[in-house]
All heavy atoms as atom14 arrays in JSON, in Angstrom:
{
  "sequence": "VLLETMQQLGRVVVVAPDSPQSGMGHAITIGKPLRLDAVDLYEGVEM",
  "atom14_mask": [
    [1, 1, 1, 1, 1, 1, 1, 0, 0, 0, 0, 0, 0, 0],
    [1, 1, 1, 1, 1, 1, 1, 1, 0, 0, 0, 0, 0, 0],
    [1, 1, 1, 1, 1, 1, 1, 1, 0, 0, 0, 0, 0, 0],
    [1, 1, 1, 1, 1, 1, 1, 1, 1, 0, 0, 0, 0, 0],
    [1, 1, 1, 1, 1, 1, 1, 0, 0, 0, 0, 0, 0, 0],
    [1, 1, 1, 1, 1, 1, 1, 1, 0, 0, 0, 0, 0, 0],
    [1, 1, 1, 1, 1, 1, 1, 1, 1, 0, 0, 0, 0, 0],
    [1, 1, 1, 1, 1, 1, 1, 1, 1, 0, 0, 0, 0, 0],
    [1, 1, 1, 1, 1, 1, 1, 1, 0, 0, 0, 0, 0, 0],
    [1, 1, 1, 1, 0, 0, 0, 0, 0, 0, 0, 0, 0, 0],
    [1, 1, 1, 1, 1, 1, 1, 1, 1, 1, 1, 0, 0, 0],
    [1, 1, 1, 1, 1, 1, 1, 0, 0, 0, 0, 0, 0, 0],
    [1, 1, 1, 1, 1, 1, 1, 0, 0, 0, 0, 0, 0, 0],
    [1, 1, 1, 1, 1, 1, 1, 0, 0, 0, 0, 0, 0, 0],
    [1, 1, 1, 1, 1, 1, 1, 0, 0, 0, 0, 0, 0, 0],
    [1, 1, 1, 1, 1, 0, 0, 0, 0, 0, 0, 0, 0, 0],
    [1, 1, 1, 1, 1, 1, 1, 0, 0, 0, 0, 0, 0, 0],
    [1, 1, 1, 1, 1, 1, 1, 1, 0, 0, 0, 0, 0, 0],
    [1, 1, 1, 1, 1, 1, 0, 0, 0, 0, 0, 0, 0, 0],
    [1, 1, 1, 1, 1, 1, 1, 0, 0, 0, 0, 0, 0, 0],
    [1, 1, 1, 1, 1, 1, 1, 1, 1, 0, 0, 0, 0, 0],
    [1, 1, 1, 1, 1, 1, 0, 0, 0, 0, 0, 0, 0, 0],
    [1, 1, 1, 1, 0, 0, 0, 0, 0, 0, 0, 0, 0, 0],
    [1, 1, 1, 1, 1, 1, 1, 1, 0, 0, 0, 0, 0, 0],
    [1, 1, 1, 1, 0, 0, 0, 0, 0, 0, 0, 0, 0, 0],
    [1, 1, 1, 1, 1, 1, 1, 1, 1, 1, 0, 0, 0, 0],
    [1, 1, 1, 1, 1, 0, 0, 0, 0, 0, 0, 0, 0, 0],
    [1, 1, 1, 1, 1, 1, 1, 1, 0, 0, 0, 0, 0, 0],
    [1, 1, 1, 1, 1, 1, 1, 0, 0, 0, 0, 0, 0, 0],
    [1, 1, 1, 1, 1, 1, 1, 1, 0, 0, 0, 0, 0, 0],
    [1, 1, 1, 1, 0, 0, 0, 0, 0, 0, 0, 0, 0, 0],
    [1, 1, 1, 1, 1, 1, 1, 1, 1, 0, 0, 0, 0, 0],
    [1, 1, 1, 1, 1, 1, 1, 0, 0, 0, 0, 0, 0, 0],
    [1, 1, 1, 1, 1, 1, 1, 1, 0, 0, 0, 0, 0, 0],
    [1, 1, 1, 1, 1, 1, 1, 1, 1, 1, 1, 0, 0, 0],
    [1, 1, 1, 1, 1, 1, 1, 1, 0, 0, 0, 0, 0, 0],
    [1, 1, 1, 1, 1, 1, 1, 1, 0, 0, 0, 0, 0, 0],
    [1, 1, 1, 1, 1, 0, 0, 0, 0, 0, 0, 0, 0, 0],
    [1, 1, 1, 1, 1, 1, 1, 0, 0, 0, 0, 0, 0, 0],
    [1, 1, 1, 1, 1, 1, 1, 1, 0, 0, 0, 0, 0, 0],
    [1, 1, 1, 1, 1, 1, 1, 1, 0, 0, 0, 0, 0, 0],
    [1, 1, 1, 1, 1, 1, 1, 1, 1, 1, 1, 1, 0, 0],
    [1, 1, 1, 1, 1, 1, 1, 1, 1, 0, 0, 0, 0, 0],
    [1, 1, 1, 1, 0, 0, 0, 0, 0, 0, 0, 0, 0, 0],
    [1, 1, 1, 1, 1, 1, 1, 0, 0, 0, 0, 0, 0, 0],
    [1, 1, 1, 1, 1, 1, 1, 1, 1, 0, 0, 0, 0, 0],
    [1, 1, 1, 1, 1, 1, 1, 1, 0, 0, 0, 0, 0, 0]
  ],
  "atom14_positions": [
    [[-1.56, 5.27, 10.95], [-2.27, 4.82, 12.21], [-2.75, 3.35, 11.98], [-2.59, 2.55, 12.88], [-3.48, 5.7, 12.51], [-4.28, 5.19, 13.68], [-2.97, 7.1, 12.88], [0.0, 0.0, 0.0], [0.0, 0.0, 0.0], [0.0, 0.0, 0.0], [0.0, 0.0, 0.0], [0.0, 0.0, 0.0], [0.0, 0.0, 0.0], [0.0, 0.0, 0.0]],
    [[-3.18, 3.05, 10.86], [-3.73, 1.67, 10.57], [-2.56, 0.68, 10.69], [-2.67, -0.38, 11.34], [-4.4, 1.54, 9.27], [-5.04, 0.26, 8.9], [-6.1, -0.17, 10.02], [-5.72, 0.32, 7.55], [0.0, 0.0, 0.0], [0.0, 0.0, 0.0], [0.0, 0.0, 0.0], [0.0, 0.0, 0.0], [0.0, 0.0, 0.0], [0.0, 0.0, 0.0]],
    [[-1.44, 0.92, 10.06], [-0.38, -0.12, 10.03], [0.31, -0.13, 11.38], [0.75, -1.24, 11.83], [0.66, 0.28, 8.93], [1.6, 1.49, 9.09], [2.87, 1.08, 9.82], [2.0, 2.02, 7.7], [0.0, 0.0, 0.0], [0.0, 0.0, 0.0], [0.0, 0.0, 0.0], [0.0, 0.0, 0.0], [0.0, 0.0, 0.0], [0.0, 0.0, 0.0]],
    [[0.48, 0.93, 12.15], [0.85, 0.89, 13.41], [0.09, 0.16, 14.47], [0.55, -0.67, 15.23], [1.16, 2.36, 13.97], [2.28, 3.14, 13.35], [2.42, 4.47, 13.86], [1.49, 5.0, 14.42], [3.43, 5.14, 13.55], [0.0, 0.0, 0.0], [0.0, 0.0, 0.0], [0.0, 0.0, 0.0], [0.0, 0.0, 0.0], [0.0, 0.0, 0.0]],
    [[-1.25, 0.25, 14.18], [-2.25, -0.66, 15.05], [-2.1, -2.04, 14.69], [-2.08, -3.02, 15.53], [-3.6, -0.15, 14.78], [-3.69, 1.36, 15.12], [-4.61, -0.85, 15.66], [0.0, 0.0, 0.0], [0.0, 0.0, 0.0], [0.0, 0.0, 0.0], [0.0, 0.0, 0.0], [0.0, 0.0, 0.0], [0.0, 0.0, 0.0], [0.0, 0.0, 0.0]],
    [[-1.94, -2.37, 13.34], [-1.82, -3.74, 12.9], [-0.63, -4.45, 13.4], [-0.5, -5.64, 13.51], [-1.96, -3.86, 11.36], [-3.39, -3.52, 10.84], [-4.69, -4.61, 11.58], [-5.41, -3.39, 12.87], [0.0, 0.0, 0.0], [0.0, 0.0, 0.0], [0.0, 0.0, 0.0], [0.0, 0.0, 0.0], [0.0, 0.0, 0.0], [0.0, 0.0, 0.0]],
    [[0.5, -3.53, 13.56], [1.84, -4.13, 14.01], [1.72, -4.73, 15.4], [2.48, -5.63, 15.8], [2.86, -3.05, 14.04], [3.43, -2.76, 12.65], [4.55, -1.7, 12.75], [4.35, -0.62, 13.16], [5.73, -2.07, 12.37], [0.0, 0.0, 0.0], [0.0, 0.0, 0.0], [0.0, 0.0, 0.0], [0.0, 0.0, 0.0], [0.0, 0.0, 0.0]],
    [[0.56, -4.33, 16.15], [0.38, -4.94, 17.46], [-0.19, -6.29, 17.32], [-0.34, -7.09, 18.32], [-0.47, -3.96, 18.34], [-0.01, -2.67, 18.47], [-1.12, -1.72, 19.06], [-1.78, -2.1, 20.09], [-1.11, -0.45, 18.68], [0.0, 0.0, 0.0], [0.0, 0.0, 0.0], [0.0, 0.0, 0.0], [0.0, 0.0, 0.0], [0.0, 0.0, 0.0]],
    [[-0.67, -6.7, 16.23], [-1.36, -8.0, 15.98], [-0.67, -8.98, 15.17], [-0.91, -10.17, 15.14], [-2.78, -7.65, 15.37], [-3.77, -6.8, 16.13], [-5.02, -6.54, 15.35], [-4.05, -7.32, 17.5], [0.0, 0.0, 0.0], [0.0, 0.0, 0.0], [0.0, 0.0, 0.0], [0.0, 0.0, 0.0], [0.0, 0.0, 0.0], [0.0, 0.0, 0.0]],
    [[0.21, -8.51, 14.34], [1.03, -9.42, 13.53], [2.0, -8.72, 12.55], [2.4, -7.58, 12.68], [0.0, 0.0, 0.0], [0.0, 0.0, 0.0], [0.0, 0.0, 0.0], [0.0, 0.0, 0.0], [0.0, 0.0, 0.0], [0.0, 0.0, 0.0], [0.0, 0.0, 0.0], [0.0, 0.0, 0.0], [0.0, 0.0, 0.0], [0.0, 0.0, 0.0]],
    [[2.44, -9.49, 11.59], [3.4, -9.01, 10.57], [2.67, -8.21, 9.51], [1.71, -8.72, 8.93], [4.06, -10.22, 9.99], [4.92, -9.83, 8.75], [5.57, -11.05, 8.13], [6.19, -10.73, 6.77], [5.7, -11.17, 5.65], [4.59, -12.06, 5.63], [6.16, -10.82, 4.46], [0.0, 0.0, 0.0], [0.0, 0.0, 0.0], [0.0, 0.0, 0.0]],
    [[3.07, -7.08, 9.19], [2.46, -6.11, 8.38], [3.16, -6.04, 6.95], [4.3, -5.84, 6.99], [2.25, -4.75, 9.04], [1.69, -3.8, 8.06], [1.3, -4.9, 10.23], [0.0, 0.0, 0.0], [0.0, 0.0, 0.0], [0.0, 0.0, 0.0], [0.0, 0.0, 0.0], [0.0, 0.0, 0.0], [0.0, 0.0, 0.0], [0.0, 0.0, 0.0]],
    [[2.28, -6.06, 6.07], [2.86, -5.82, 4.56], [1.86, -4.73, 4.07], [0.61, -4.88, 4.06], [2.83, -7.01, 3.71], [3.19, -6.6, 2.28], [3.71, -8.14, 4.3], [0.0, 0.0, 0.0], [0.0, 0.0, 0.0], [0.0, 0.0, 0.0], [0.0, 0.0, 0.0], [0.0, 0.0, 0.0], [0.0, 0.0, 0.0], [0.0, 0.0, 0.0]],
    [[2.46, -3.51, 3.57], [1.65, -2.52, 3.04], [1.86, -2.52, 1.47], [2.96, -2.49, 1.03], [2.13, -1.19, 3.68], [1.28, -0.02, 2.99], [2.01, -1.15, 5.15], [0.0, 0.0, 0.0], [0.0, 0.0, 0.0], [0.0, 0.0, 0.0], [0.0, 0.0, 0.0], [0.0, 0.0, 0.0], [0.0, 0.0, 0.0], [0.0, 0.0, 0.0]],
    [[0.67, -2.38, 0.82], [0.76, -2.16, -0.65], [-0.25, -1.13, -0.98], [-1.51, -1.32, -0.71], [0.45, -3.4, -1.48], [0.52, -3.05, -3.01], [1.41, -4.59, -1.18], [0.0, 0.0, 0.0], [0.0, 0.0, 0.0], [0.0, 0.0, 0.0], [0.0, 0.0, 0.0], [0.0, 0.0, 0.0], [0.0, 0.0, 0.0], [0.0, 0.0, 0.0]],
    [[0.19, 0.13, -1.29], [-0.76, 1.28, -1.39], [-0.41, 2.1, -2.66], [0.62, 2.08, -3.12], [-0.68, 2.12, -0.12], [0.0, 0.0, 0.0], [0.0, 0.0, 0.0], [0.0, 0.0, 0.0], [0.0, 0.0, 0.0], [0.0, 0.0, 0.0], [0.0, 0.0, 0.0], [0.0, 0.0, 0.0], [0.0, 0.0, 0.0], [0.0, 0.0, 0.0]],
    [[-1.44, 2.82, -3.18], [-1.26, 3.65, -4.35], [-0.17, 4.7, -4.06], [-0.04, 5.23, -2.92], [-2.6, 4.27, -4.56], [-3.59, 3.36, -3.86], [-2.91, 2.88, -2.65], [0.0, 0.0, 0.0], [0.0, 0.0, 0.0], [0.0, 0.0, 0.0], [0.0, 0.0, 0.0], [0.0, 0.0, 0.0], [0.0, 0.0, 0.0], [0.0, 0.0, 0.0]],
    [[0.6, 5.0, -5.07], [1.58, 6.16, -5.09], [1.01, 7.49, -5.05], [1.78, 8.36, -4.77], [2.67, 5.86, -6.11], [2.12, 5.95, -7.57], [0.92, 6.37, -7.71], [2.86, 5.7, -8.46], [0.0, 0.0, 0.0], [0.0, 0.0, 0.0], [0.0, 0.0, 0.0], [0.0, 0.0, 0.0], [0.0, 0.0, 0.0], [0.0, 0.0, 0.0]],
    [[-0.29, 7.6, -5.3], [-1.06, 8.93, -5.22], [-2.44, 8.67, -4.88], [-2.95, 7.53, -5.0], [-0.91, 9.56, -6.59], [-1.51, 8.81, -7.61], [0.0, 0.0, 0.0], [0.0, 0.0, 0.0], [0.0, 0.0, 0.0], [0.0, 0.0, 0.0], [0.0, 0.0, 0.0], [0.0, 0.0, 0.0], [0.0, 0.0, 0.0], [0.0, 0.0, 0.0]],
    [[-3.14, 9.68, -4.43], [-4.58, 9.48, -4.01], [-5.45, 8.89, -5.1], [-5.29, 9.27, -6.26], [-4.94, 10.92, -3.66], [-3.74, 11.64, -3.2], [-2.76, 11.14, -4.1], [0.0, 0.0, 0.0], [0.0, 0.0, 0.0], [0.0, 0.0, 0.0], [0.0, 0.0, 0.0], [0.0, 0.0, 0.0], [0.0, 0.0, 0.0], [0.0, 0.0, 0.0]],
    [[-6.23, 8.03, -4.74], [-7.2, 7.23, -5.65], [-8.63, 7.25, -5.16], [-9.34, 6.24, -5.4], [-6.64, 5.87, -5.82], [-5.23, 5.71, -6.37], [-5.28, 5.97, -7.86], [-6.13, 5.62, -8.59], [-4.25, 6.63, -8.38], [0.0, 0.0, 0.0], [0.0, 0.0, 0.0], [0.0, 0.0, 0.0], [0.0, 0.0, 0.0], [0.0, 0.0, 0.0]],
    [[-9.04, 8.27, -4.39], [-10.34, 8.36, -3.93], [-11.42, 8.3, -5.0], [-11.28, 8.89, -6.07], [-10.59, 9.63, -3.03], [-9.68, 9.55, -1.95], [0.0, 0.0, 0.0], [0.0, 0.0, 0.0], [0.0, 0.0, 0.0], [0.0, 0.0, 0.0], [0.0, 0.0, 0.0], [0.0, 0.0, 0.0], [0.0, 0.0, 0.0], [0.0, 0.0, 0.0]],
    [[-12.48, 7.62, -4.7], [-13.7, 7.56, -5.58], [-13.45, 6.58, -6.8], [-14.29, 6.67, -7.75], [0.0, 0.0, 0.0], [0.0, 0.0, 0.0], [0.0, 0.0, 0.0], [0.0, 0.0, 0.0], [0.0, 0.0, 0.0], [0.0, 0.0, 0.0], [0.0, 0.0, 0.0], [0.0, 0.0, 0.0], [0.0, 0.0, 0.0], [0.0, 0.0, 0.0]],
    [[-12.4, 5.73, -6.77], [-12.09, 4.95, -7.8], [-12.95, 3.71, -7.9], [-13.01, 2.93, -8.93], [-10.62, 4.46, -7.83], [-9.56, 5.58, -8.07], [-9.84, 6.3, -9.68], [-9.25, 4.86, -10.78], [0.0, 0.0, 0.0], [0.0, 0.0, 0.0], [0.0, 0.0, 0.0], [0.0, 0.0, 0.0], [0.0, 0.0, 0.0], [0.0, 0.0, 0.0]],
    [[-13.72, 3.43, -6.8], [-14.57, 2.23, -6.9], [-13.71, 0.99, -7.07], [-12.54, 0.83, -6.52], [0.0, 0.0, 0.0], [0.0, 0.0, 0.0], [0.0, 0.0, 0.0], [0.0, 0.0, 0.0], [0.0, 0.0, 0.0], [0.0, 0.0, 0.0], [0.0, 0.0, 0.0], [0.0, 0.0, 0.0], [0.0, 0.0, 0.0], [0.0, 0.0, 0.0]],
    [[-14.34, 0.02, -7.89], [-13.54, -1.2, -8.11], [-12.82, -1.22, -9.44], [-12.56, -2.24, -10.1], [-14.59, -2.32, -8.12], [-14.08, -3.62, -7.59], [-14.09, -3.94, -6.14], [-13.3, -4.65, -8.09], [-13.45, -5.09, -5.99], [-12.97, -5.51, -7.13], [0.0, 0.0, 0.0], [0.0, 0.0, 0.0], [0.0, 0.0, 0.0], [0.0, 0.0, 0.0]],
    [[-12.3, 0.03, -9.78], [-11.58, 0.21, -11.05], [-10.27, -0.62, -10.98], [-9.66, -0.8, -9.91], [-11.21, 1.65, -11.35], [0.0, 0.0, 0.0], [0.0, 0.0, 0.0], [0.0, 0.0, 0.0], [0.0, 0.0, 0.0], [0.0, 0.0, 0.0], [0.0, 0.0, 0.0], [0.0, 0.0, 0.0], [0.0, 0.0, 0.0], [0.0, 0.0, 0.0]],
    [[-9.99, -1.19, -12.17], [-8.59, -1.93, -12.3], [-8.02, -1.34, -13.51], [-8.51, -0.76, -14.47], [-8.81, -3.49, -12.4], [-9.71, -3.76, -13.62], [-9.33, -4.01, -11.19], [-9.83, -5.28, -13.95], [0.0, 0.0, 0.0], [0.0, 0.0, 0.0], [0.0, 0.0, 0.0], [0.0, 0.0, 0.0], [0.0, 0.0, 0.0], [0.0, 0.0, 0.0]],
    [[-6.64, -1.47, -13.57], [-5.76, -0.92, -14.63], [-5.63, -2.0, -15.65], [-5.06, -3.14, -15.32], [-4.45, -0.44, -14.13], [-4.66, 0.5, -13.14], [-3.62, 0.08, -15.23], [0.0, 0.0, 0.0], [0.0, 0.0, 0.0], [0.0, 0.0, 0.0], [0.0, 0.0, 0.0], [0.0, 0.0, 0.0], [0.0, 0.0, 0.0], [0.0, 0.0, 0.0]],
    [[-6.06, -1.88, -16.88], [-5.84, -2.9, -17.96], [-5.14, -2.3, -19.17], [-4.65, -3.07, -20.08], [-7.15, -3.47, -18.38], [-8.25, -2.49, -18.79], [-7.73, -4.31, -17.21], [-9.49, -2.93, -19.4], [0.0, 0.0, 0.0], [0.0, 0.0, 0.0], [0.0, 0.0, 0.0], [0.0, 0.0, 0.0], [0.0, 0.0, 0.0], [0.0, 0.0, 0.0]],
    [[-5.04, -0.96, -19.45], [-4.5, -0.39, -20.6], [-3.13, 0.19, -20.48], [-2.6, 0.71, -21.51], [0.0, 0.0, 0.0], [0.0, 0.0, 0.0], [0.0, 0.0, 0.0], [0.0, 0.0, 0.0], [0.0, 0.0, 0.0], [0.0, 0.0, 0.0], [0.0, 0.0, 0.0], [0.0, 0.0, 0.0], [0.0, 0.0, 0.0], [0.0, 0.0, 0.0]],
    [[-2.46, -0.02, -19.32], [-1.04, 0.35, -19.27], [-0.41, -0.39, -18.17], [-1.16, -1.03, -17.28], [-0.97, 1.88, -18.77], [-1.77, 2.3, -17.58], [-1.66, 3.78, -17.36], [-2.37, 4.07, -16.05], [-2.34, 5.59, -15.74], [0.0, 0.0, 0.0], [0.0, 0.0, 0.0], [0.0, 0.0, 0.0], [0.0, 0.0, 0.0], [0.0, 0.0, 0.0]],
    [[0.9, -0.48, -18.2], [1.68, -1.38, -17.19], [1.49, -0.76, -15.84], [1.37, 0.48, -15.58], [3.03, -1.33, -17.74], [3.11, -0.07, -18.46], [1.85, 0.16, -19.12], [0.0, 0.0, 0.0], [0.0, 0.0, 0.0], [0.0, 0.0, 0.0], [0.0, 0.0, 0.0], [0.0, 0.0, 0.0], [0.0, 0.0, 0.0], [0.0, 0.0, 0.0]],
    [[1.62, -1.62, -14.86], [1.72, -1.27, -13.42], [2.99, -1.29, -12.89], [3.89, -2.18, -13.28], [0.77, -2.18, -12.61], [-0.71, -2.11, -12.84], [-1.45, -3.27, -12.18], [-1.26, -0.78, -12.23], [0.0, 0.0, 0.0], [0.0, 0.0, 0.0], [0.0, 0.0, 0.0], [0.0, 0.0, 0.0], [0.0, 0.0, 0.0], [0.0, 0.0, 0.0]],
    [[3.31, -0.43, -11.95], [4.63, -0.33, -11.34], [4.38, -0.77, -9.8], [3.44, -0.25, -9.25], [5.2, 1.06, -11.33], [5.37, 1.61, -12.77], [6.54, 0.9, -13.57], [6.72, 1.5, -14.91], [7.51, 1.0, -15.83], [8.26, -0.1, -15.53], [7.66, 1.52, -17.0], [0.0, 0.0, 0.0], [0.0, 0.0, 0.0], [0.0, 0.0, 0.0]],
    [[5.3, -1.52, -9.3], [5.22, -1.91, -7.93], [6.67, -1.74, -7.35], [7.6, -2.46, -7.73], [4.78, -3.31, -7.72], [4.64, -3.85, -6.3], [3.43, -3.04, -5.67], [4.28, -5.3, -6.36], [0.0, 0.0, 0.0], [0.0, 0.0, 0.0], [0.0, 0.0, 0.0], [0.0, 0.0, 0.0], [0.0, 0.0, 0.0], [0.0, 0.0, 0.0]],
    [[6.89, -0.7, -6.45], [8.3, -0.44, -5.93], [8.33, -0.54, -4.51], [7.44, 0.04, -3.79], [8.66, 0.93, -6.48], [8.75, 1.11, -7.99], [9.44, 0.29, -8.58], [8.16, 1.98, -8.57], [0.0, 0.0, 0.0], [0.0, 0.0, 0.0], [0.0, 0.0, 0.0], [0.0, 0.0, 0.0], [0.0, 0.0, 0.0], [0.0, 0.0, 0.0]],
    [[9.26, -1.09, -4.01], [9.53, -1.14, -2.57], [9.91, 0.23, -1.92], [10.69, 0.94, -2.66], [10.56, -2.2, -2.14], [0.0, 0.0, 0.0], [0.0, 0.0, 0.0], [0.0, 0.0, 0.0], [0.0, 0.0, 0.0], [0.0, 0.0, 0.0], [0.0, 0.0, 0.0], [0.0, 0.0, 0.0], [0.0, 0.0, 0.0], [0.0, 0.0, 0.0]],
    [[9.4, 0.54, -0.87], [9.73, 1.86, -0.23], [9.95, 1.64, 1.17], [9.64, 0.62, 1.86], [8.53, 2.94, -0.3], [8.33, 3.26, -1.8], [7.19, 2.34, 0.27], [0.0, 0.0, 0.0], [0.0, 0.0, 0.0], [0.0, 0.0, 0.0], [0.0, 0.0, 0.0], [0.0, 0.0, 0.0], [0.0, 0.0, 0.0], [0.0, 0.0, 0.0]],
    [[10.74, 2.61, 1.86], [11.17, 2.49, 3.22], [10.75, 3.65, 3.93], [11.46, 4.6, 4.21], [12.81, 2.37, 3.24], [13.18, 2.1, 4.7], [12.3, 1.61, 5.48], [14.43, 2.26, 4.88], [0.0, 0.0, 0.0], [0.0, 0.0, 0.0], [0.0, 0.0, 0.0], [0.0, 0.0, 0.0], [0.0, 0.0, 0.0], [0.0, 0.0, 0.0]],
    [[9.46, 3.69, 4.37], [8.86, 4.84, 5.1], [8.84, 4.72, 6.55], [8.97, 5.63, 7.27], [7.56, 5.13, 4.52], [7.38, 5.59, 3.06], [5.93, 5.75, 2.72], [8.15, 6.91, 2.81], [0.0, 0.0, 0.0], [0.0, 0.0, 0.0], [0.0, 0.0, 0.0], [0.0, 0.0, 0.0], [0.0, 0.0, 0.0], [0.0, 0.0, 0.0]],
    [[8.54, 3.46, 7.03], [8.46, 3.22, 8.44], [9.32, 2.0, 8.75], [9.31, 0.92, 8.13], [6.92, 2.88, 8.81], [6.01, 4.08, 8.4], [5.12, 3.91, 7.33], [6.09, 5.25, 9.03], [4.32, 4.92, 6.93], [5.2, 6.27, 8.68], [4.37, 6.13, 7.63], [3.52, 7.15, 7.31], [0.0, 0.0, 0.0], [0.0, 0.0, 0.0]],
    [[10.01, 2.13, 9.83], [10.95, 1.06, 10.28], [10.29, -0.31, 10.6], [9.26, -0.24, 11.22], [11.76, 1.62, 11.37], [12.93, 0.59, 11.87], [13.65, 1.16, 13.14], [13.53, 2.3, 13.39], [14.43, 0.34, 13.64], [0.0, 0.0, 0.0], [0.0, 0.0, 0.0], [0.0, 0.0, 0.0], [0.0, 0.0, 0.0], [0.0, 0.0, 0.0]],
    [[10.82, -1.31, 10.0], [10.33, -2.65, 10.18], [9.0, -3.05, 9.59], [8.48, -4.09, 9.86], [0.0, 0.0, 0.0], [0.0, 0.0, 0.0], [0.0, 0.0, 0.0], [0.0, 0.0, 0.0], [0.0, 0.0, 0.0], [0.0, 0.0, 0.0], [0.0, 0.0, 0.0], [0.0, 0.0, 0.0], [0.0, 0.0, 0.0], [0.0, 0.0, 0.0]],
    [[8.66, -2.23, 8.51], [7.38, -2.45, 7.74], [7.7, -2.79, 6.33], [8.43, -1.93, 5.72], [6.4, -1.42, 7.89], [5.05, -1.77, 7.16], [6.07, -1.0, 9.32], [0.0, 0.0, 0.0], [0.0, 0.0, 0.0], [0.0, 0.0, 0.0], [0.0, 0.0, 0.0], [0.0, 0.0, 0.0], [0.0, 0.0, 0.0], [0.0, 0.0, 0.0]],
    [[7.33, -3.88, 5.81], [7.49, -4.15, 4.37], [6.5, -3.42, 3.55], [5.19, -3.63, 3.75], [7.4, -5.69, 4.12], [7.62, -6.04, 2.68], [7.53, -7.59, 2.44], [7.43, -8.38, 3.45], [7.57, -8.0, 1.42], [0.0, 0.0, 0.0], [0.0, 0.0, 0.0], [0.0, 0.0, 0.0], [0.0, 0.0, 0.0], [0.0, 0.0, 0.0]],
    [[6.93, -2.43, 2.77], [5.97, -1.53, 2.07], [6.27, -1.46, 0.59], [7.46, -1.47, 0.21], [6.12, -0.13, 2.71], [5.82, 0.03, 4.16], [5.79, 1.74, 4.68], [4.12, 2.22, 4.04], [0.0, 0.0, 0.0], [0.0, 0.0, 0.0], [0.0, 0.0, 0.0], [0.0, 0.0, 0.0], [0.0, 0.0, 0.0], [0.0, 0.0, 0.0]]
  ]
}
């Protein structure tokens, strides 16, 4: 719903966790590598 609403205002780029991360606060990952993979979930959205 958020990205579809933002599409009415501009160009949207989505970067989101691959699994739920609720309650993580301002945690960052420093002890293991991070993965960042392009996905095609919604037409016309860079995700």
